């Protein structure tokens, strides 16, 4: 948990819990949490911050301030493991807007040889936005000081992810690589 977060209501997963890759088990035992979280995001859009499954697997559901009792009840009604994180200081729309701003600030790094990926990473730190470069050329995957030069307001933060370097497609074969967005 990051600073300013307050986890409440941890629930222990059942002894027969498997890993998320076990589709049948996952559908039968954890899909209800996804459904409940989708309902929470819709019904409490001003309060809902983010959600993710951890390795336990338990669903972590975060709120800008205190968790609405009705939202907690939706999760409790699933009978499945979850963790409530309160007072992260932002909602999902604000988190997305911050990630969009980081994307805007990184467009200058997009080229035919390098792609830039921006992702929200609340499972690491609430409000974290990670930037990574993907390229077939290893010299284009390192951080040129980008994370320090990006302007984002608290409670958001930016970090460079040096582990995510594999390009999706980089113009090999018949694929078309589009020019940078600002052209």
C-alpha atoms as a PDB file:
ATOM      1  CA  UNK A   1       0.000   0.000   0.000  1.00  0.00           C
ATOM      2  CA  UNK A   2       1.175   3.505  -0.678  1.00  0.00           C
ATOM      3  CA  UNK A   3       1.120   6.431   1.668  1.00  0.00           C
ATOM      4  CA  UNK A   4      -2.325   7.666   2.569  1.00  0.00           C
ATOM      5  CA  UNK A   5      -4.030   4.373   1.877  1.00  0.00           C
ATOM      6  CA  UNK A   6      -5.906   2.452   4.479  1.00  0.00           C
ATOM      7  CA  UNK A   7      -6.676  -1.228   3.784  1.00  0.00           C
ATOM      8  CA  UNK A   8      -9.751  -2.599   5.515  1.00  0.00           C
ATOM      9  CA  UNK A   9     -11.806  -5.781   5.420  1.00  0.00           C
ATOM     10  CA  UNK A  10      -9.237  -8.327   4.201  1.00  0.00           C
ATOM     11  CA  UNK A  11     -10.796 -11.694   3.472  1.00  0.00           C
ATOM     12  CA  UNK A  12      -8.799 -14.901   3.222  1.00  0.00           C
ATOM     13  CA  UNK A  13      -9.164 -16.877  -0.029  1.00  0.00           C
ATOM     14  CA  UNK A  14     -10.616 -20.370   0.205  1.00  0.00           C
ATOM     15  CA  UNK A  15      -8.132 -23.225   0.739  1.00  0.00           C
ATOM     16  CA  UNK A  16      -8.971 -24.630  -2.698  1.00  0.00           C
ATOM     17  CA  UNK A  17      -8.202 -21.340  -4.477  1.00  0.00           C
ATOM     18  CA  UNK A  18      -6.193 -21.729  -7.638  1.00  0.00           C
ATOM     19  CA  UNK A  19      -4.241 -19.303  -9.752  1.00  0.00           C
ATOM     20  CA  UNK A  20      -6.039 -16.902 -12.125  1.00  0.00           C
ATOM     21  CA  UNK A  21      -4.980 -18.955 -15.178  1.00  0.00           C
ATOM     22  CA  UNK A  22      -7.323 -21.817 -14.233  1.00  0.00           C
ATOM     23  CA  UNK A  23     -10.282 -20.597 -16.324  1.00  0.00           C
ATOM     24  CA  UNK A  24     -12.983 -22.922 -15.013  1.00  0.00           C
ATOM     25  CA  UNK A  25     -12.144 -22.309 -11.371  1.00  0.00           C
ATOM     26  CA  UNK A  26     -11.680 -18.610 -12.036  1.00  0.00           C
ATOM     27  CA  UNK A  27     -15.068 -18.252 -13.730  1.00  0.00           C
ATOM     28  CA  UNK A  28     -16.879 -20.159 -10.998  1.00  0.00           C
ATOM     29  CA  UNK A  29     -15.169 -18.551  -8.036  1.00  0.00           C
ATOM     30  CA  UNK A  30     -13.933 -15.076  -8.974  1.00  0.00           C
ATOM     31  CA  UNK A  31     -16.137 -13.779 -11.794  1.00  0.00           C
ATOM     32  CA  UNK A  32     -18.659 -12.559  -9.174  1.00  0.00           C
ATOM     33  CA  UNK A  33     -16.005 -10.161  -7.840  1.00  0.00           C
ATOM     34  CA  UNK A  34     -15.485  -8.771 -11.331  1.00  0.00           C
ATOM     35  CA  UNK A  35     -19.226  -8.309 -11.713  1.00  0.00           C
ATOM     36  CA  UNK A  36     -19.493  -6.636  -8.301  1.00  0.00           C
ATOM     37  CA  UNK A  37     -16.557  -4.358  -9.075  1.00  0.00           C
ATOM     38  CA  UNK A  38     -18.081  -3.351 -12.419  1.00  0.00           C
ATOM     39  CA  UNK A  39     -21.304  -2.454 -10.589  1.00  0.00           C
ATOM     40  CA  UNK A  40     -19.319  -0.447  -8.030  1.00  0.00           C
ATOM     41  CA  UNK A  41     -17.484   1.432 -10.780  1.00  0.00           C
ATOM     42  CA  UNK A  42     -20.798   2.305 -12.416  1.00  0.00           C
ATOM     43  CA  UNK A  43     -22.787   3.145  -9.266  1.00  0.00           C
ATOM     44  CA  UNK A  44     -20.003   4.951  -7.393  1.00  0.00           C
ATOM     45  CA  UNK A  45     -17.996   6.525 -10.226  1.00  0.00           C
ATOM     46  CA  UNK A  46     -17.056   9.602  -8.170  1.00  0.00           C
ATOM     47  CA  UNK A  47     -15.652   7.410  -5.377  1.00  0.00           C
ATOM     48  CA  UNK A  48     -14.246   4.333  -7.204  1.00  0.00           C
ATOM     49  CA  UNK A  49     -10.474   4.559  -7.780  1.00  0.00           C
ATOM     50  CA  UNK A  50      -9.281   1.221  -9.184  1.00  0.00           C
ATOM     51  CA  UNK A  51      -9.445  -2.535  -8.726  1.00  0.00           C
ATOM     52  CA  UNK A  52      -7.086  -5.446  -9.331  1.00  0.00           C
ATOM     53  CA  UNK A  53      -6.610  -9.081  -8.366  1.00  0.00           C
ATOM     54  CA  UNK A  54      -3.489  -9.897  -6.375  1.00  0.00           C
ATOM     55  CA  UNK A  55      -1.610 -13.221  -6.419  1.00  0.00           C
ATOM     56  CA  UNK A  56      -3.696 -14.655  -3.557  1.00  0.00           C
ATOM     57  CA  UNK A  57      -6.048 -14.054  -5.544  1.00  0.00           C
ATOM     58  CA  UNK A  58      -8.080 -11.415  -3.755  1.00  0.00           C
ATOM     59  CA  UNK A  59      -9.728  -8.403  -5.351  1.00  0.00           C
ATOM     60  CA  UNK A  60      -8.411  -5.041  -4.146  1.00  0.00           C
ATOM     61  CA  UNK A  61     -10.959  -2.256  -4.604  1.00  0.00           C
ATOM     62  CA  UNK A  62      -9.877   1.328  -3.917  1.00  0.00           C
ATOM     63  CA  UNK A  63     -11.853   4.467  -3.245  1.00  0.00           C
ATOM     64  CA  UNK A  64     -11.000   8.163  -3.376  1.00  0.00           C
ATOM     65  CA  UNK A  65     -12.212   8.573   0.217  1.00  0.00           C
ATOM     66  CA  UNK A  66     -14.135   6.285   2.562  1.00  0.00           C
ATOM     67  CA  UNK A  67     -15.658   3.206   0.931  1.00  0.00           C
ATOM     68  CA  UNK A  68     -19.432   3.515   0.520  1.00  0.00           C
ATOM     69  CA  UNK A  69     -21.205   0.915   2.680  1.00  0.00           C
ATOM     70  CA  UNK A  70     -23.292  -0.170  -0.314  1.00  0.00           C
ATOM     71  CA  UNK A  71     -20.130  -0.861  -2.321  1.00  0.00           C
ATOM     72  CA  UNK A  72     -18.665  -2.957   0.491  1.00  0.00           C
ATOM     73  CA  UNK A  73     -21.948  -4.886   0.702  1.00  0.00           C
ATOM     74  CA  UNK A  74     -21.742  -5.725  -3.023  1.00  0.00           C
ATOM     75  CA  UNK A  75     -18.311  -7.273  -2.460  1.00  0.00           C
ATOM     76  CA  UNK A  76     -19.345  -9.045   0.742  1.00  0.00           C
ATOM     77  CA  UNK A  77     -22.311 -10.599  -1.059  1.00  0.00           C
ATOM     78  CA  UNK A  78     -19.914 -12.489  -3.344  1.00  0.00           C
ATOM     79  CA  UNK A  79     -18.501 -14.414  -0.370  1.00  0.00           C
ATOM     80  CA  UNK A  80     -15.078 -14.154  -2.027  1.00  0.00           C
ATOM     81  CA  UNK A  81     -11.789 -12.624  -0.814  1.00  0.00           C
ATOM     82  CA  UNK A  82     -11.343  -8.896  -1.224  1.00  0.00           C
ATOM     83  CA  UNK A  83      -9.490  -5.937   0.264  1.00  0.00           C
ATOM     84  CA  UNK A  84     -10.900  -2.418   0.498  1.00  0.00           C
ATOM     85  CA  UNK A  85      -8.389   0.427   0.110  1.00  0.00           C
ATOM     86  CA  UNK A  86      -9.727   3.770   1.269  1.00  0.00           C
ATOM     87  CA  UNK A  87      -8.600   7.364   0.820  1.00  0.00           C
ATOM     88  CA  UNK A  88      -6.285   7.006  -2.179  1.00  0.00           C
ATOM     89  CA  UNK A  89      -7.145  10.598  -3.126  1.00  0.00           C
ATOM     90  CA  UNK A  90      -8.422  10.050  -6.680  1.00  0.00           C
ATOM     91  CA  UNK A  91     -11.152   8.316  -8.642  1.00  0.00           C
ATOM     92  CA  UNK A  92     -10.830   6.240 -11.816  1.00  0.00           C
ATOM     93  CA  UNK A  93     -11.596   9.179 -14.126  1.00  0.00           C
ATOM     94  CA  UNK A  94      -8.881  11.280 -12.478  1.00  0.00           C
ATOM     95  CA  UNK A  95      -6.410   8.372 -12.697  1.00  0.00           C
ATOM     96  CA  UNK A  96      -7.185   7.951 -16.402  1.00  0.00           C
ATOM     97  CA  UNK A  97      -6.822  11.697 -17.009  1.00  0.00           C
ATOM     98  CA  UNK A  98      -3.383  11.641 -15.346  1.00  0.00           C
ATOM     99  CA  UNK A  99      -2.328   8.635 -17.470  1.00  0.00           C
ATOM    100  CA  UNK A 100      -3.591  10.426 -20.596  1.00  0.00           C
ATOM    101  CA  UNK A 101      -1.492  13.466 -19.675  1.00  0.00           C
ATOM    102  CA  UNK A 102       1.590  11.258 -19.262  1.00  0.00           C
ATOM    103  CA  UNK A 103       0.840   9.741 -22.693  1.00  0.00           C
ATOM    104  CA  UNK A 104       0.623  13.226 -24.183  1.00  0.00           C
ATOM    105  CA  UNK A 105       3.988  14.148 -22.666  1.00  0.00           C
ATOM    106  CA  UNK A 106       5.663  10.986 -24.028  1.00  0.00           C
ATOM    107  CA  UNK A 107       4.495  11.255 -27.661  1.00  0.00           C
ATOM    108  CA  UNK A 108       7.797  12.829 -28.679  1.00  0.00           C
ATOM    109  CA  UNK A 109       9.527   9.503 -27.951  1.00  0.00           C
ATOM    110  CA  UNK A 110       7.383   7.487 -30.418  1.00  0.00           C
ATOM    111  CA  UNK A 111       9.150   6.569 -33.654  1.00  0.00           C
ATOM    112  CA  UNK A 112       9.253   3.803 -36.242  1.00  0.00           C
ATOM    113  CA  UNK A 113      11.916   2.146 -34.077  1.00  0.00           C
ATOM    114  CA  UNK A 114      10.402   2.745 -30.635  1.00  0.00           C
ATOM    115  CA  UNK A 115       6.958   2.456 -29.104  1.00  0.00           C
ATOM    116  CA  UNK A 116       6.009   3.998 -25.770  1.00  0.00           C
ATOM    117  CA  UNK A 117       3.635   2.291 -23.361  1.00  0.00           C
ATOM    118  CA  UNK A 118       1.932   4.110 -20.501  1.00  0.00           C
ATOM    119  CA  UNK A 119       0.033   2.078 -17.916  1.00  0.00           C
ATOM    120  CA  UNK A 120      -1.622   2.557 -14.560  1.00  0.00           C
ATOM    121  CA  UNK A 121       0.056   0.361 -11.925  1.00  0.00           C
ATOM    122  CA  UNK A 122      -1.953   0.632  -8.698  1.00  0.00           C
ATOM    123  CA  UNK A 123      -0.886  -2.845  -7.566  1.00  0.00           C
ATOM    124  CA  UNK A 124       2.629  -1.434  -7.101  1.00  0.00           C
ATOM    125  CA  UNK A 125       1.723   1.953  -5.604  1.00  0.00           C
ATOM    126  CA  UNK A 126      -1.709   3.637  -5.696  1.00  0.00           C
ATOM    127  CA  UNK A 127      -1.595   6.371  -8.337  1.00  0.00           C
ATOM    128  CA  UNK A 128       1.542   5.044 -10.041  1.00  0.00           C
ATOM    129  CA  UNK A 129       1.785   5.507 -13.806  1.00  0.00           C
ATOM    130  CA  UNK A 130       4.514   3.462 -15.492  1.00  0.00           C
ATOM    131  CA  UNK A 131       6.211   4.371 -18.768  1.00  0.00           C
ATOM    132  CA  UNK A 132       8.189   1.860 -20.818  1.00  0.00           C
ATOM    133  CA  UNK A 133       9.859   1.827 -24.219  1.00  0.00           C
ATOM    134  CA  UNK A 134       9.550  -1.132 -26.578  1.00  0.00           C
ATOM    135  CA  UNK A 135      12.044  -1.599 -29.377  1.00  0.00           C
ATOM    136  CA  UNK A 136      14.082  -4.207 -31.213  1.00  0.00           C
ATOM    137  CA  UNK A 137      17.077  -1.933 -30.543  1.00  0.00           C
ATOM    138  CA  UNK A 138      18.113  -2.282 -26.866  1.00  0.00           C
ATOM    139  CA  UNK A 139      19.625   1.213 -26.894  1.00  0.00           C
ATOM    140  CA  UNK A 140      16.105   2.612 -27.393  1.00  0.00           C
ATOM    141  CA  UNK A 141      14.590   0.867 -24.354  1.00  0.00           C
ATOM    142  CA  UNK A 142      16.428   2.710 -21.580  1.00  0.00           C
ATOM    143  CA  UNK A 143      15.099   5.708 -19.680  1.00  0.00           C
ATOM    144  CA  UNK A 144      16.626   8.998 -20.888  1.00  0.00           C
ATOM    145  CA  UNK A 145      15.509  10.686 -17.650  1.00  0.00           C
ATOM    146  CA  UNK A 146      11.937  10.686 -18.877  1.00  0.00           C
ATOM    147  CA  UNK A 147      10.285   9.822 -15.547  1.00  0.00           C
ATOM    148  CA  UNK A 148      11.845  12.860 -13.868  1.00  0.00           C
ATOM    149  CA  UNK A 149      10.841  15.213 -16.685  1.00  0.00           C
ATOM    150  CA  UNK A 150       7.147  14.296 -16.766  1.00  0.00           C
ATOM    151  CA  UNK A 151       4.887  16.692 -14.904  1.00  0.00           C
ATOM    152  CA  UNK A 152       2.055  14.997 -13.005  1.00  0.00           C
ATOM    153  CA  UNK A 153       0.290  16.273  -9.900  1.00  0.00           C
ATOM    154  CA  UNK A 154       0.108  14.324  -6.620  1.00  0.00           C
ATOM    155  CA  UNK A 155      -1.264  11.870  -5.643  1.00  0.00           C
ATOM    156  CA  UNK A 156      -0.006  10.523  -8.978  1.00  0.00           C
ATOM    157  CA  UNK A 157       3.585   9.525  -9.650  1.00  0.00           C
ATOM    158  CA  UNK A 158       5.553   8.332 -12.676  1.00  0.00           C
ATOM    159  CA  UNK A 159       8.142   5.558 -12.871  1.00  0.00           C
ATOM    160  CA  UNK A 160      10.068   4.051 -15.757  1.00  0.00           C
ATOM    161  CA  UNK A 161       9.553   0.300 -16.265  1.00  0.00           C
ATOM    162  CA  UNK A 162      12.761  -1.131 -17.730  1.00  0.00           C
ATOM    163  CA  UNK A 163      11.352  -4.686 -17.762  1.00  0.00           C
ATOM    164  CA  UNK A 164       8.684  -4.099 -20.424  1.00  0.00           C
ATOM    165  CA  UNK A 165      10.834  -3.778 -23.554  1.00  0.00           C
ATOM    166  CA  UNK A 166       9.440  -6.282 -26.073  1.00  0.00           C
ATOM    167  CA  UNK A 167       7.765  -4.579 -29.007  1.00  0.00           C
ATOM    168  CA  UNK A 168       4.328  -5.700 -30.127  1.00  0.00           C
ATOM    169  CA  UNK A 169       5.192  -5.069 -33.782  1.00  0.00           C
ATOM    170  CA  UNK A 170       7.978  -2.913 -35.052  1.00  0.00           C
ATOM    171  CA  UNK A 171       7.495  -2.891 -38.811  1.00  0.00           C
ATOM    172  CA  UNK A 172       8.876  -6.310 -39.688  1.00  0.00           C
ATOM    173  CA  UNK A 173       7.302  -8.208 -42.551  1.00  0.00           C
ATOM    174  CA  UNK A 174       4.211  -6.547 -43.984  1.00  0.00           C
ATOM    175  CA  UNK A 175       3.096  -4.644 -40.875  1.00  0.00           C
ATOM    176  CA  UNK A 176       2.666  -0.913 -41.209  1.00  0.00           C
ATOM    177  CA  UNK A 177       4.217   1.350 -38.586  1.00  0.00           C
ATOM    178  CA  UNK A 178       2.329   4.599 -38.231  1.00  0.00           C
ATOM    179  CA  UNK A 179       4.147   7.908 -37.758  1.00  0.00           C
ATOM    180  CA  UNK A 180       4.265   9.573 -34.337  1.00  0.00           C
ATOM    181  CA  UNK A 181       0.906  10.952 -33.227  1.00  0.00           C
ATOM    182  CA  UNK A 182       1.980  14.588 -33.388  1.00  0.00           C
ATOM    183  CA  UNK A 183       2.702  14.474 -37.148  1.00  0.00           C
END
